[in-house]
Amino acid sequence: MANNLIINRLFTLAAFQKLIDGTDSRVYSEIVNSYVDKSAVHTNGEAIAEIYKFMKKEYRNQYI
């Protein structure tokens, strides 16, 4: 899936609801696997912070 499309899909009510509910989200998993440092264990909040760091440097949309 294209970078901008998958990142945009993270910022939907359904994706965040799955995170809140603790259910698996394929979209979230794909983004974490692609953009989050795998050498450390991250909470969801830390992972999302890293995604925002990537977006701030490399990717612009209405969320950043």
C-alpha atoms as a PDB file:
ATOM      1  CA  MET A   1       0.000   0.000   0.000  1.00  0.00           C
ATOM      2  CA  ALA A   2       1.321   3.476  -0.827  1.00  0.00           C
ATOM      3  CA  ASN A   3       2.875   5.374   2.083  1.00  0.00           C
ATOM      4  CA  ASN A   4       0.394   8.243   2.039  1.00  0.00           C
ATOM      5  CA  LEU A   5      -2.606   5.948   1.785  1.00  0.00           C
ATOM      6  CA  ILE A   6      -1.605   3.688   4.686  1.00  0.00           C
ATOM      7  CA  ILE A   7      -0.667   6.622   6.906  1.00  0.00           C
ATOM      8  CA  ASN A   8      -3.965   8.362   6.154  1.00  0.00           C
ATOM      9  CA  ARG A   9      -5.821   5.170   7.080  1.00  0.00           C
ATOM     10  CA  LEU A  10      -4.245   5.236  10.548  1.00  0.00           C
ATOM     11  CA  PHE A  11      -6.009   8.513  11.310  1.00  0.00           C
ATOM     12  CA  THR A  12      -9.528   7.142  11.124  1.00  0.00           C
ATOM     13  CA  LEU A  13     -12.012   6.527  13.888  1.00  0.00           C
ATOM     14  CA  ALA A  14     -12.015   2.794  13.147  1.00  0.00           C
ATOM     15  CA  ALA A  15      -8.222   2.482  13.423  1.00  0.00           C
ATOM     16  CA  PHE A  16      -8.033   4.400  16.699  1.00  0.00           C
ATOM     17  CA  GLN A  17     -11.030   2.503  18.080  1.00  0.00           C
ATOM     18  CA  LYS A  18      -9.183  -0.779  17.480  1.00  0.00           C
ATOM     19  CA  LEU A  19      -6.179   0.593  19.392  1.00  0.00           C
ATOM     20  CA  ILE A  20      -8.402   1.670  22.272  1.00  0.00           C
ATOM     21  CA  ASP A  21     -10.221  -1.671  22.306  1.00  0.00           C
ATOM     22  CA  GLY A  22      -6.942  -3.583  22.188  1.00  0.00           C
ATOM     23  CA  THR A  23      -7.874  -5.460  19.025  1.00  0.00           C
ATOM     24  CA  ASP A  24      -5.467  -6.078  16.165  1.00  0.00           C
ATOM     25  CA  SER A  25      -5.282  -3.467  13.451  1.00  0.00           C
ATOM     26  CA  ARG A  26      -3.580  -4.479  10.220  1.00  0.00           C
ATOM     27  CA  VAL A  27      -3.117  -0.825   9.263  1.00  0.00           C
ATOM     28  CA  TYR A  28      -1.440   0.041  12.572  1.00  0.00           C
ATOM     29  CA  SER A  29       0.759  -3.062  12.421  1.00  0.00           C
ATOM     30  CA  GLU A  30       1.929  -2.269   8.883  1.00  0.00           C
ATOM     31  CA  ILE A  31       2.802   1.310   9.803  1.00  0.00           C
ATOM     32  CA  VAL A  32       4.639   0.305  12.980  1.00  0.00           C
ATOM     33  CA  ASN A  33       6.603  -2.322  11.066  1.00  0.00           C
ATOM     34  CA  SER A  34       7.551   0.249   8.425  1.00  0.00           C
ATOM     35  CA  TYR A  35       8.232   3.420  10.420  1.00  0.00           C
ATOM     36  CA  VAL A  36       9.011   2.556  14.043  1.00  0.00           C
ATOM     37  CA  ASP A  37      12.456   1.592  15.344  1.00  0.00           C
ATOM     38  CA  LYS A  38      12.387  -2.167  15.829  1.00  0.00           C
ATOM     39  CA  SER A  39      15.349  -2.220  18.226  1.00  0.00           C
ATOM     40  CA  ALA A  40      13.226  -1.082  21.168  1.00  0.00           C
ATOM     41  CA  VAL A  41       9.882  -2.045  22.667  1.00  0.00           C
ATOM     42  CA  HIS A  42       7.312   0.716  22.319  1.00  0.00           C
ATOM     43  CA  THR A  43       3.946   1.511  23.833  1.00  0.00           C
ATOM     44  CA  ASN A  44       1.250   2.543  21.363  1.00  0.00           C
ATOM     45  CA  GLY A  45       1.813   6.161  22.405  1.00  0.00           C
ATOM     46  CA  GLU A  46       5.559   5.925  21.751  1.00  0.00           C
ATOM     47  CA  ALA A  47       4.960   4.257  18.400  1.00  0.00           C
ATOM     48  CA  ILE A  48       2.508   6.961  17.344  1.00  0.00           C
ATOM     49  CA  ALA A  49       5.013   9.619  18.469  1.00  0.00           C
ATOM     50  CA  GLU A  50       7.629   8.036  16.176  1.00  0.00           C
ATOM     51  CA  ILE A  51       5.124   7.985  13.317  1.00  0.00           C
ATOM     52  CA  TYR A  52       4.506  11.710  13.871  1.00  0.00           C
ATOM     53  CA  LYS A  53       8.286  12.325  13.849  1.00  0.00           C
ATOM     54  CA  PHE A  54       8.503  10.573  10.480  1.00  0.00           C
ATOM     55  CA  MET A  55       5.556  12.571   9.167  1.00  0.00           C
ATOM     56  CA  LYS A  56       7.065  15.857  10.342  1.00  0.00           C
ATOM     57  CA  LYS A  57      10.262  15.167   8.376  1.00  0.00           C
ATOM     58  CA  GLU A  58       9.106  13.183   5.368  1.00  0.00           C
ATOM     59  CA  TYR A  59       5.387  13.406   4.892  1.00  0.00           C
ATOM     60  CA  ARG A  60       2.866  16.214   5.109  1.00  0.00           C
ATOM     61  CA  ASN A  61      -0.887  15.909   5.334  1.00  0.00           C
ATOM     62  CA  GLN A  62      -3.725  17.516   7.279  1.00  0.00           C
ATOM     63  CA  TYR A  63      -2.667  15.730  10.491  1.00  0.00           C
ATOM     64  CA  ILE A  64       0.805  17.273  10.792  1.00  0.00           C
END
